[in-house]
Amino acid sequence: MQYIQFYRTKDQYEIYTLIAANHTIDGYELQGASVYFIFEEKEACEQTLRSLVSKKLKLYAHDMIQA
């Protein structure tokens, strides 16, 4: 049996980026005054964010605005 690892973040720019890059939201968690969004496929999410930091991620501005 293979388990899916999840990526959890409360950073709004990470959330917008992952949504615009078509990553799947599994849900969210409330923790005090913070809301954490949970995305499927942790490794793929981390790869997208590494591409963002290294300025290699290509997204349409429209997708970011719509996220």
Protein backbone atom coordinates (compact mmCIF):
# COMPACT_ATOMS: atom_id res chain seq x y z
CA MET A 1 0.00 0.00 0.00
CA GLN A 2 1.32 3.42 -0.92
CA TYR A 3 0.46 6.45 1.15
CA ILE A 4 -0.02 9.90 -0.31
CA GLN A 5 2.08 12.54 1.39
CA PHE A 6 0.43 15.91 1.77
CA TYR A 7 1.84 19.43 1.63
CA ARG A 8 0.49 21.80 4.29
CA THR A 9 0.87 25.59 4.18
CA LYS A 10 -0.66 28.79 5.49
CA ASP A 11 1.41 31.07 3.24
CA GLN A 12 -1.05 32.78 0.90
CA TYR A 13 1.48 33.18 -1.95
CA GLU A 14 2.33 29.48 -1.83
CA ILE A 15 -1.38 28.67 -1.85
CA TYR A 16 -2.02 30.92 -4.88
CA THR A 17 0.98 29.46 -6.71
CA LEU A 18 -0.02 25.85 -6.08
CA ILE A 19 -3.62 26.48 -7.12
CA ALA A 20 -2.49 28.29 -10.29
CA ALA A 21 -0.16 25.35 -11.05
CA ASN A 22 -3.19 23.01 -10.83
CA HIS A 23 -2.25 21.16 -7.65
CA THR A 24 -5.16 19.46 -5.91
CA ILE A 25 -6.41 20.80 -2.58
CA ASP A 26 -7.31 17.97 -0.23
CA GLY A 27 -8.77 20.20 2.47
CA TYR A 28 -7.90 22.71 5.13
CA GLU A 29 -7.28 22.80 8.87
CA LEU A 30 -8.05 25.50 11.38
CA GLN A 31 -5.34 25.96 13.96
CA GLY A 32 -6.01 28.85 16.28
CA ALA A 33 -6.41 31.96 14.13
CA SER A 34 -4.63 30.33 11.16
CA VAL A 35 -6.01 28.32 8.26
CA TYR A 36 -3.70 25.72 6.71
CA PHE A 37 -4.43 24.46 3.20
CA ILE A 38 -3.52 20.84 2.50
CA PHE A 39 -2.45 19.80 -0.99
CA GLU A 40 -1.98 16.31 -2.41
CA GLU A 41 1.41 15.08 -3.65
CA LYS A 42 3.91 16.78 -1.35
CA GLU A 43 6.92 16.18 -3.60
CA ALA A 44 5.21 17.74 -6.63
CA CYS A 45 4.20 20.77 -4.55
CA GLU A 46 7.74 21.20 -3.26
CA GLN A 47 9.10 20.91 -6.81
CA THR A 48 6.72 23.66 -7.99
CA LEU A 49 7.81 25.93 -5.15
CA ARG A 50 11.51 25.22 -5.84
CA SER A 51 10.88 26.22 -9.46
CA LEU A 52 9.23 29.42 -8.25
CA VAL A 53 12.19 30.36 -6.04
CA SER A 54 14.70 29.61 -8.81
CA LYS A 55 12.61 31.68 -11.27
CA LYS A 56 12.01 28.69 -13.55
CA LEU A 57 8.28 28.34 -12.90
CA LYS A 58 6.13 29.39 -15.83
CA LEU A 59 2.57 30.38 -15.02
CA TYR A 60 0.18 32.66 -16.81
CA ALA A 61 -0.57 35.86 -14.92
CA HIS A 62 -4.26 35.21 -15.51
CA ASP A 63 -4.01 31.90 -13.61
CA MET A 64 -2.38 33.62 -10.64
CA ILE A 65 -5.06 36.33 -10.60
CA GLN A 66 -7.85 33.74 -10.77
CA ALA A 67 -6.31 31.66 -7.97
